[in-house]
Protein backbone atom coordinates (compact mmCIF):
# COMPACT_ATOMS: atom_id res chain seq x y z
CA UNK A 1 47.57 118.90 -190.07
CA UNK A 2 49.92 120.10 -192.82
CA UNK A 3 53.57 119.73 -191.84
CA UNK A 4 55.19 121.35 -194.86
CA UNK A 5 54.21 123.39 -197.92
CA UNK A 6 56.52 123.17 -200.90
CA UNK A 7 58.45 126.37 -201.29
CA UNK A 8 56.94 127.86 -198.13
CA UNK A 9 58.14 125.64 -195.28
CA UNK A 10 56.18 124.72 -192.17
CA UNK A 11 52.76 126.39 -191.72
CA UNK A 12 52.33 128.65 -188.70
CA UNK A 13 50.07 126.22 -186.85
CA UNK A 14 52.54 123.34 -187.19
CA UNK A 15 55.41 125.57 -186.10
CA UNK A 16 53.54 126.67 -182.99
CA UNK A 17 52.35 123.18 -182.08
CA UNK A 18 55.84 121.66 -182.44
CA UNK A 19 54.35 118.18 -182.65
CA UNK A 20 56.60 115.17 -182.14
CA UNK A 21 57.07 112.85 -185.13
CA UNK A 22 55.74 109.81 -183.28
CA UNK A 23 53.06 111.45 -181.12
CA UNK A 24 49.86 109.42 -180.82
CA UNK A 25 47.69 112.55 -181.17
CA UNK A 26 47.93 116.22 -182.00
CA UNK A 27 48.73 118.66 -179.22
CA UNK A 28 45.62 120.74 -178.52
CA UNK A 29 47.42 122.91 -175.96
CA UNK A 30 49.73 124.86 -178.24
CA UNK A 31 50.13 128.59 -177.70
CA UNK A 32 47.71 129.92 -175.11
CA UNK A 33 45.16 127.13 -175.64
CA UNK A 34 46.59 125.11 -172.77
CA UNK A 35 46.34 127.84 -170.14
CA UNK A 36 43.27 126.20 -168.61
CA UNK A 37 41.99 122.63 -168.81
CA UNK A 38 38.41 123.55 -169.61
CA UNK A 39 36.16 120.50 -169.77
CA UNK A 40 34.11 121.37 -172.85
CA UNK A 41 36.79 122.70 -175.22
CA UNK A 42 36.88 121.29 -178.73
CA UNK A 43 40.18 120.87 -180.61
CA UNK A 44 41.72 124.06 -182.05
CA UNK A 45 42.68 122.04 -185.14
CA UNK A 46 38.98 121.80 -186.00
CA UNK A 47 38.56 125.56 -185.69
CA UNK A 48 41.67 126.26 -187.77
CA UNK A 49 40.45 123.86 -190.47
CA UNK A 50 37.04 125.55 -190.57
CA UNK A 51 38.58 129.03 -190.77
CA UNK A 52 40.70 127.85 -193.68
CA UNK A 53 37.69 126.18 -195.30
CA UNK A 54 35.63 129.38 -195.09
CA UNK A 55 38.52 131.54 -196.27
CA UNK A 56 38.26 133.83 -193.25
CA UNK A 57 40.82 136.67 -193.13
CA UNK A 58 41.39 140.13 -191.68
CA UNK A 59 38.53 141.51 -193.82
CA UNK A 60 35.90 139.16 -192.37
CA UNK A 61 34.27 138.83 -188.95
CA UNK A 62 33.89 135.51 -187.12
CA UNK A 63 31.38 135.02 -184.30
CA UNK A 64 31.16 132.31 -181.64
CA UNK A 65 27.88 132.71 -179.69
CA UNK A 66 28.95 129.97 -177.25
CA UNK A 67 32.53 131.10 -176.81
CA UNK A 68 33.36 128.67 -173.97
CA UNK A 69 37.04 128.86 -173.06
CA UNK A 70 37.96 130.84 -176.17
CA UNK A 71 39.25 128.26 -178.67
CA UNK A 72 37.75 130.08 -181.65
CA UNK A 73 38.81 133.43 -180.20
CA UNK A 74 42.46 132.35 -179.86
CA UNK A 75 42.58 130.92 -183.38
CA UNK A 76 41.11 134.13 -184.81
CA UNK A 77 43.61 136.24 -182.86
CA UNK A 78 46.51 134.14 -184.19
CA UNK A 79 45.29 134.65 -187.76
CA UNK A 80 44.39 138.33 -187.38
CA UNK A 81 40.67 137.70 -187.94
CA UNK A 82 38.24 140.06 -186.13
CA UNK A 83 36.29 138.04 -183.56
CA UNK A 84 33.04 138.58 -181.65
CA UNK A 85 32.26 136.18 -178.83
CA UNK A 86 29.23 135.72 -176.59
CA UNK A 87 29.48 133.81 -173.32
CA UNK A 88 27.26 133.84 -170.22
CA UNK A 89 29.75 132.14 -167.88
CA UNK A 90 32.05 134.60 -166.03
CA UNK A 91 34.73 131.94 -165.51
CA UNK A 92 34.78 131.24 -169.25
CA UNK A 93 34.93 134.96 -170.01
CA UNK A 94 37.96 135.23 -167.74
CA UNK A 95 39.66 132.48 -169.75
CA UNK A 96 38.77 134.09 -173.09
CA UNK A 97 40.01 137.54 -172.13
CA UNK A 98 43.27 136.12 -170.84
CA UNK A 99 43.97 133.52 -173.54
CA UNK A 100 42.85 135.51 -176.59
CA UNK A 101 43.90 139.00 -175.53
CA UNK A 102 47.40 138.03 -174.41
CA UNK A 103 50.00 140.84 -174.42
CA UNK A 104 52.13 141.61 -177.44
CA UNK A 105 55.21 141.75 -175.20
CA UNK A 106 56.09 138.47 -173.42
CA UNK A 107 58.39 140.38 -171.08
CA UNK A 108 55.30 141.82 -169.37
CA UNK A 109 54.54 138.37 -167.94
CA UNK A 110 58.14 138.00 -166.80
CA UNK A 111 57.80 141.34 -165.00
CA UNK A 112 54.59 140.10 -163.36
CA UNK A 113 56.41 136.96 -162.23
CA UNK A 114 59.11 139.06 -160.61
CA UNK A 115 56.58 141.33 -158.90
CA UNK A 116 54.54 138.38 -157.69
CA UNK A 117 57.54 136.63 -156.15
CA UNK A 118 58.38 139.73 -154.13
CA UNK A 119 54.75 140.20 -153.08
CA UNK A 120 54.32 136.52 -152.25
CA UNK A 121 57.43 136.21 -150.08
CA UNK A 122 56.54 139.30 -148.08
CA UNK A 123 52.87 138.45 -147.48
CA UNK A 124 53.39 134.74 -146.82
CA UNK A 125 56.23 135.28 -144.37
CA UNK A 126 54.24 137.92 -142.51
CA UNK A 127 51.19 135.65 -142.29
CA UNK A 128 53.09 132.63 -140.92
CA UNK A 129 54.85 134.62 -138.18
CA UNK A 130 57.44 131.88 -137.77
CA UNK A 131 54.90 129.03 -137.60
CA UNK A 132 54.98 125.83 -139.64
CA UNK A 133 52.65 126.00 -142.63
CA UNK A 134 51.41 122.48 -141.88
CA UNK A 135 49.80 123.77 -138.68
CA UNK A 136 47.34 126.04 -140.52
CA UNK A 137 43.60 125.41 -140.42
CA UNK A 138 40.88 126.44 -142.84
CA UNK A 139 39.39 128.67 -140.17
CA UNK A 140 42.63 130.62 -139.86
CA UNK A 141 42.92 130.98 -143.61
CA UNK A 142 39.36 132.22 -144.07
CA UNK A 143 39.67 134.61 -141.10
CA UNK A 144 42.86 136.18 -142.42
CA UNK A 145 42.60 139.90 -143.09
CA UNK A 146 42.18 140.56 -146.78
CA UNK A 147 41.10 137.00 -147.57
CA UNK A 148 39.01 137.17 -150.78
CA UNK A 149 37.12 133.89 -150.32
CA UNK A 150 33.95 133.22 -148.39
CA UNK A 151 33.42 130.16 -146.25
CA UNK A 152 32.34 127.12 -148.23
CA UNK A 153 32.20 123.41 -147.44
CA UNK A 154 33.26 122.75 -151.02
CA UNK A 155 36.46 124.72 -150.52
CA UNK A 156 37.14 123.29 -147.08
CA UNK A 157 36.82 119.73 -148.35
CA UNK A 158 38.60 120.32 -151.64
CA UNK A 159 41.74 122.22 -150.62
CA UNK A 160 44.44 121.73 -148.04
CA UNK A 161 44.88 124.81 -145.82
CA UNK A 162 48.43 125.73 -146.90
CA UNK A 163 47.96 125.77 -150.70
CA UNK A 164 44.48 127.23 -150.23
CA UNK A 165 45.94 130.16 -148.34
CA UNK A 166 48.85 130.59 -150.74
CA UNK A 167 46.62 130.46 -153.82
CA UNK A 168 44.74 133.50 -152.51
CA UNK A 169 47.83 135.67 -152.99
CA UNK A 170 47.69 135.87 -156.80
CA UNK A 171 44.05 136.93 -156.48
CA UNK A 172 44.99 139.69 -154.06
CA UNK A 173 47.58 140.85 -156.56
CA UNK A 174 44.87 141.08 -159.21
CA UNK A 175 45.70 137.86 -161.08
CA UNK A 176 42.47 135.79 -160.88
CA UNK A 177 43.39 133.36 -163.64
CA UNK A 178 46.79 132.79 -162.07
CA UNK A 179 45.10 132.03 -158.76
CA UNK A 180 43.01 129.47 -160.59
CA UNK A 181 45.99 127.92 -162.38
CA UNK A 182 48.09 127.48 -159.26
CA UNK A 183 45.11 126.23 -157.27
CA UNK A 184 44.32 123.33 -159.61
CA UNK A 185 47.36 121.13 -158.79
CA UNK A 186 46.58 121.52 -155.10
CA UNK A 187 43.07 120.08 -155.32
CA UNK A 188 41.88 116.80 -153.91
CA UNK A 189 38.71 114.79 -154.29
CA UNK A 190 36.12 116.06 -151.75
CA UNK A 191 35.58 113.79 -148.77
CA UNK A 192 31.92 114.73 -148.41
CA UNK A 193 29.42 115.23 -151.23
CA UNK A 194 26.89 117.75 -150.00
CA UNK A 195 23.64 118.29 -151.89
CA UNK A 196 23.60 121.87 -150.66
CA UNK A 197 26.79 122.52 -152.62
CA UNK A 198 25.32 120.80 -155.72
CA UNK A 199 28.46 118.69 -155.93
CA UNK A 200 28.06 115.55 -158.01
CA UNK A 201 30.99 113.14 -158.04
CA UNK A 202 29.82 111.68 -161.35
CA UNK A 203 30.63 114.88 -163.21
CA UNK A 204 34.00 115.58 -161.62
CA UNK A 205 36.33 114.72 -164.46
CA UNK A 206 39.99 115.22 -165.20
CA UNK A 207 40.00 118.74 -163.75
CA UNK A 208 40.64 117.66 -160.17
CA UNK A 209 43.03 115.18 -158.62
CA UNK A 210 41.79 112.41 -156.32
CA UNK A 211 44.60 112.87 -153.82
CA UNK A 212 46.19 115.98 -152.30
CA UNK A 213 49.62 117.19 -153.27
CA UNK A 214 51.64 117.78 -150.15
CA UNK A 215 54.34 120.43 -149.76
CA UNK A 216 53.29 122.46 -152.78
CA UNK A 217 55.32 125.66 -153.16
CA UNK A 218 52.70 127.99 -154.65
CA UNK A 219 55.16 130.85 -155.00
CA UNK A 220 57.53 128.76 -157.10
CA UNK A 221 54.65 127.19 -159.01
CA UNK A 222 53.22 130.59 -159.90
CA UNK A 223 56.60 131.92 -160.98
CA UNK A 224 57.17 128.94 -163.26
CA UNK A 225 53.68 129.18 -164.72
CA UNK A 226 54.12 132.87 -165.56
CA UNK A 227 57.42 132.16 -167.29
CA UNK A 228 55.79 129.33 -169.23
CA UNK A 229 52.98 131.67 -170.27
CA UNK A 230 55.57 134.20 -171.42
CA UNK A 231 57.20 131.48 -173.53
CA UNK A 232 53.80 130.53 -174.99
CA UNK A 233 53.17 134.14 -175.99
CA UNK A 234 56.65 134.46 -177.51
CA UNK A 235 56.10 131.28 -179.53
CA UNK A 236 52.72 132.55 -180.78
CA UNK A 237 54.17 135.91 -181.81
CA UNK A 238 57.08 134.21 -183.58
CA UNK A 239 55.16 131.50 -185.45
CA UNK A 240 52.36 133.84 -186.52
CA UNK A 241 54.44 137.00 -186.93
CA UNK A 242 52.86 137.96 -190.27
CA UNK A 243 49.31 137.07 -189.26
CA UNK A 244 48.66 137.71 -185.59
CA UNK A 245 46.14 140.41 -184.77
CA UNK A 246 45.75 143.04 -182.06
CA UNK A 247 44.05 142.22 -178.75
CA UNK A 248 41.50 144.88 -179.73
CA UNK A 249 40.33 142.55 -182.49
CA UNK A 250 38.74 140.29 -179.85
CA UNK A 251 35.33 141.56 -178.69
CA UNK A 252 33.48 139.66 -175.95
CA UNK A 253 29.91 140.04 -174.69
CA UNK A 254 29.42 138.55 -171.23
CA UNK A 255 25.75 137.63 -171.51
CA UNK A 256 23.33 135.01 -172.80
CA UNK A 257 23.26 134.67 -176.58
CA UNK A 258 19.49 135.20 -176.34
CA UNK A 259 20.03 138.64 -174.80
CA UNK A 260 22.70 140.03 -177.14
CA UNK A 261 21.77 142.11 -180.19
CA UNK A 262 24.55 142.26 -182.76
CA UNK A 263 24.24 144.42 -185.85
CA UNK A 264 22.25 142.79 -188.64
CA UNK A 265 24.23 141.54 -191.67
CA UNK A 266 27.52 142.11 -189.84
CA UNK A 267 28.92 138.58 -189.45
CA UNK A 268 30.67 136.59 -192.17
CA UNK A 269 31.13 133.26 -190.39
CA UNK A 270 29.89 131.52 -187.25
CA UNK A 271 31.92 128.72 -185.68
CA UNK A 272 30.47 127.37 -182.47
CA UNK A 273 29.49 124.39 -180.37
CA UNK A 274 26.66 124.84 -177.87
CA UNK A 275 26.33 122.82 -174.68
CA UNK A 276 24.81 119.49 -175.64
CA UNK A 277 21.48 119.86 -173.92
CA UNK A 278 21.84 120.13 -170.16
CA UNK A 279 25.62 119.78 -170.14
CA UNK A 280 25.93 123.53 -169.50
CA UNK A 281 25.03 122.99 -165.85
CA UNK A 282 27.41 120.04 -165.63
CA UNK A 283 30.23 122.38 -166.65
CA UNK A 284 29.38 124.56 -163.66
CA UNK A 285 29.55 121.59 -161.32
CA UNK A 286 32.85 120.43 -162.75
CA UNK A 287 34.48 123.82 -162.18
CA UNK A 288 32.65 124.52 -158.92
CA UNK A 289 35.82 124.84 -156.83
CA UNK A 290 37.11 127.42 -159.29
CA UNK A 291 33.90 129.43 -158.96
CA UNK A 292 33.83 129.23 -155.18
CA UNK A 293 37.47 130.28 -154.81
CA UNK A 294 36.99 133.26 -157.15
CA UNK A 295 33.66 134.35 -155.71
CA UNK A 296 34.90 137.79 -154.70
CA UNK A 297 36.20 138.43 -158.21
CA UNK A 298 33.06 137.31 -160.04
CA UNK A 299 30.69 138.79 -157.49
CA UNK A 300 28.02 136.12 -157.75
CA UNK A 301 27.38 132.41 -157.59
CA UNK A 302 27.29 130.63 -160.98
CA UNK A 303 23.87 129.20 -160.22
CA UNK A 304 22.41 132.70 -160.01
CA UNK A 305 22.17 132.72 -163.83
CA UNK A 306 21.04 129.14 -164.34
CA UNK A 307 17.59 130.23 -165.57
CA UNK A 308 19.33 132.02 -168.46
CA UNK A 309 21.49 129.04 -169.41
CA UNK A 310 20.68 127.35 -172.70
CA UNK A 311 18.80 124.11 -172.10
CA UNK A 312 18.66 124.56 -168.34
CA UNK A 313 17.80 121.39 -166.42
CA UNK A 314 16.03 123.46 -163.76
CA UNK A 315 12.67 123.55 -165.48
CA UNK A 316 9.38 121.72 -165.02
CA UNK A 317 6.71 120.48 -167.37
CA UNK A 318 6.61 117.68 -169.87
CA UNK A 319 3.95 118.57 -172.45
CA UNK A 320 4.17 119.13 -176.19
CA UNK A 321 2.12 122.31 -176.15
CA UNK A 322 2.08 124.63 -179.16
CA UNK A 323 4.21 127.07 -177.16
CA UNK A 324 7.21 124.87 -177.91
CA UNK A 325 8.48 126.40 -181.13
CA UNK A 326 10.88 123.56 -181.82
CA UNK A 327 8.08 121.00 -181.79
CA UNK A 328 6.13 123.05 -184.36
CA UNK A 329 9.16 123.81 -186.52
CA UNK A 330 10.70 120.32 -186.68
CA UNK A 331 8.80 117.18 -187.62
CA UNK A 332 11.72 115.05 -186.37
CA UNK A 333 11.59 116.81 -182.99
CA UNK A 334 7.83 116.37 -182.80
CA UNK A 335 8.02 112.68 -183.69
CA UNK A 336 10.81 111.91 -181.23
CA UNK A 337 9.28 113.67 -178.22
CA UNK A 338 5.79 112.37 -178.96
CA UNK A 339 6.93 108.98 -177.71
CA UNK A 340 5.47 108.07 -174.36
CA UNK A 341 7.80 107.85 -171.37
CA UNK A 342 7.56 105.94 -168.15
CA UNK A 343 5.80 108.36 -165.80
CA UNK A 344 7.35 106.74 -162.75
CA UNK A 345 10.81 107.83 -163.92
CA UNK A 346 10.88 111.43 -162.74
CA UNK A 347 14.51 111.90 -163.73
CA UNK A 348 13.82 110.82 -167.29
CA UNK A 349 10.79 113.12 -167.44
CA UNK A 350 12.91 116.03 -166.27
CA UNK A 351 15.62 115.34 -168.84
CA UNK A 352 12.98 115.08 -171.54
CA UNK A 353 11.52 118.46 -170.60
CA UNK A 354 15.01 119.97 -170.49
CA UNK A 355 15.84 118.70 -173.97
CA UNK A 356 12.62 120.14 -175.42
CA UNK A 357 13.58 123.47 -173.86
CA UNK A 358 17.06 123.08 -175.35
CA UNK A 359 15.64 122.79 -178.87
CA UNK A 360 13.37 125.78 -178.25
CA UNK A 361 16.53 127.69 -177.40
CA UNK A 362 18.29 126.36 -180.51
CA UNK A 363 15.48 127.70 -182.68
CA UNK A 364 15.92 131.12 -181.08
CA UNK A 365 19.69 130.88 -181.58
CA UNK A 366 19.20 130.00 -185.25
CA UNK A 367 16.97 133.05 -185.72
CA UNK A 368 19.60 135.34 -184.19
CA UNK A 369 22.46 133.85 -186.18
CA UNK A 370 20.45 134.22 -189.37
CA UNK A 371 19.79 137.88 -188.59
CA UNK A 372 23.45 138.60 -187.85
CA UNK A 373 24.89 136.81 -190.90
CA UNK A 374 25.56 138.48 -194.22
CA UNK A 375 23.96 136.98 -197.32
CA UNK A 376 25.80 133.73 -198.13
CA UNK A 377 27.50 133.87 -194.72
CA UNK A 378 28.38 130.42 -193.43
CA UNK A 379 27.96 128.51 -190.17
CA UNK A 380 29.84 125.59 -188.65
CA UNK A 381 27.72 124.17 -185.86
CA UNK A 382 29.18 121.31 -183.81
CA UNK A 383 26.61 119.20 -181.98
CA UNK A 384 26.50 115.75 -180.39
CA UNK A 385 23.66 113.22 -180.35
CA UNK A 386 22.74 112.41 -176.76
CA UNK A 387 20.98 109.50 -175.16
CA UNK A 388 17.60 109.91 -173.52
CA UNK A 389 16.71 106.70 -171.76
CA UNK A 390 17.11 103.91 -174.31
CA UNK A 391 16.90 106.26 -177.29
CA UNK A 392 19.43 108.43 -179.08
CA UNK A 393 18.15 111.95 -179.74
CA UNK A 394 18.81 112.85 -183.41
CA UNK A 395 20.11 116.27 -182.41
CA UNK A 396 21.91 116.91 -185.70
CA UNK A 397 18.77 116.21 -187.73
CA UNK A 398 16.57 118.33 -185.44
CA UNK A 399 18.98 121.29 -185.51
CA UNK A 400 19.16 121.03 -189.31
CA UNK A 401 15.36 121.31 -189.55
CA UNK A 402 15.21 124.16 -187.05
CA UNK A 403 17.91 126.15 -188.85
CA UNK A 404 16.17 125.62 -192.19
CA UNK A 405 13.20 127.52 -190.73
CA UNK A 406 15.60 130.37 -189.97
CA UNK A 407 16.91 130.77 -193.51
CA UNK A 408 20.04 128.66 -192.99
CA UNK A 409 20.53 126.16 -195.80
CA UNK A 410 22.19 122.88 -194.88
CA UNK A 411 25.33 122.18 -196.92
CA UNK A 412 27.10 119.23 -195.36
CA UNK A 413 27.42 117.16 -192.21
CA UNK A 414 30.66 115.59 -191.04
CA UNK A 415 30.26 112.93 -188.37
CA UNK A 416 33.18 112.42 -186.05
CA UNK A 417 33.91 111.78 -182.40
CA UNK A 418 35.79 114.87 -181.29
CA UNK A 419 38.55 114.13 -178.82
CA UNK A 420 38.41 116.16 -175.64
CA UNK A 421 41.25 118.57 -174.94
CA UNK A 422 42.13 116.55 -171.83
CA UNK A 423 44.32 113.79 -173.21
CA UNK A 424 44.22 111.95 -169.89
CA UNK A 425 40.43 112.00 -169.71
CA UNK A 426 38.93 108.51 -169.86
CA UNK A 427 35.54 109.29 -168.39
CA UNK A 428 32.55 107.01 -169.01
CA UNK A 429 29.99 109.79 -169.51
CA UNK A 430 31.40 110.52 -172.97
CA UNK A 431 30.33 107.16 -174.34
CA UNK A 432 27.26 106.88 -172.14
CA UNK A 433 25.66 110.20 -173.08
CA UNK A 434 27.21 111.42 -176.36
CA UNK A 435 26.72 108.87 -179.10
CA UNK A 436 28.37 110.80 -181.93
CA UNK A 437 29.24 114.33 -182.89
CA UNK A 438 28.68 116.19 -186.14
CA UNK A 439 30.07 119.32 -187.74
CA UNK A 440 27.05 120.80 -189.51
CA UNK A 441 27.74 123.36 -192.25
CA UNK A 442 25.10 125.91 -193.27
CA UNK A 443 24.86 128.94 -195.54
CA UNK A 444 22.63 131.97 -195.08
CA UNK A 445 20.04 132.07 -197.85
CA UNK A 446 20.24 135.49 -199.58
CA UNK A 447 17.47 137.87 -198.50
CA UNK A 448 15.04 139.06 -201.13
């Protein structure tokens, strides 16, 4: 993080972050980055450093085939770099479109805040009909005319009736992300963990509170949040005034990376971090309340697309047949997964099969990236080594071998434990499952 450049002053990133002199860590939520506390987001400082390292500018195109919550997209927008993102998750796509394609006029958000307050007061007063809000039940809320949510045990257990009902109003006004933002502080830890809802308490992280917040004024909370968002946009426009690009410079494909066909030789740089094996499904569980509450907006359940998710855990089989391209392409992969496993441990067998499928997918991803990249185009691929039983999977080494088969020459690997964007997250799964993380740098070998 560069604080000052002689003769130039403070760089745009430092000006926007406005870090405190004695802060224990950098602020990863500057600008629009902090508009949603997405579990899997990597630090924007890493993306900015990689963009600077590559020399990306307005004449180059950057692609993130696992766009997540839009960290790379936001950084590219701030620097005026054309961006192409691919993301299968509709919730993530909502975040990307909102965070990266923010308006060029902050006053628009102030106008929305004013309109929402009027709408909220009218609808909420009419719904209560003089009653106390504390007397509401979930059944009343779900039965209300115009309610956009369907009945769900997850919602009933995770939200108090009053804030649940109030948080529906931004959605009815056409502000799905705002409904999500104002809903989050009203959440509580579910009292019942139902298998039918695929809720797993072990993967509920810093996104949700363990105790309910009483007497939440959703109208006031929404108004404040919109004004804060307006201030974030104003700060971004001011700090990056000579660099920031148009919202039209952000292109997003809502689909699996394996089903998107970009133009060959059209990408200069790829900066991405895929789900580490089966963590993609864990992300869905972590944000399950968000999905359930926005069901009417998305139009489908997140698990409807699980068979298209990279490294899906919902697969069967545990053989090293020749059909597994990763096993044939990587000697390290073949050696690691040739080890015998305890057949009585069905969970370990399933995770093993899922990880083999994950590397098959990574080989396919490498082939697509190689096809899209220009000659000498570069890749920054962030991956973490995970534990499988008592062993650590050498994911960085396997990916390096797989990408070599795709015409991507390995340049350098930087090992580092990337801090999550949630500064208050002290969850044990990070140390239990992810041993270490690496930033792997590749270059596309020129075609003959």
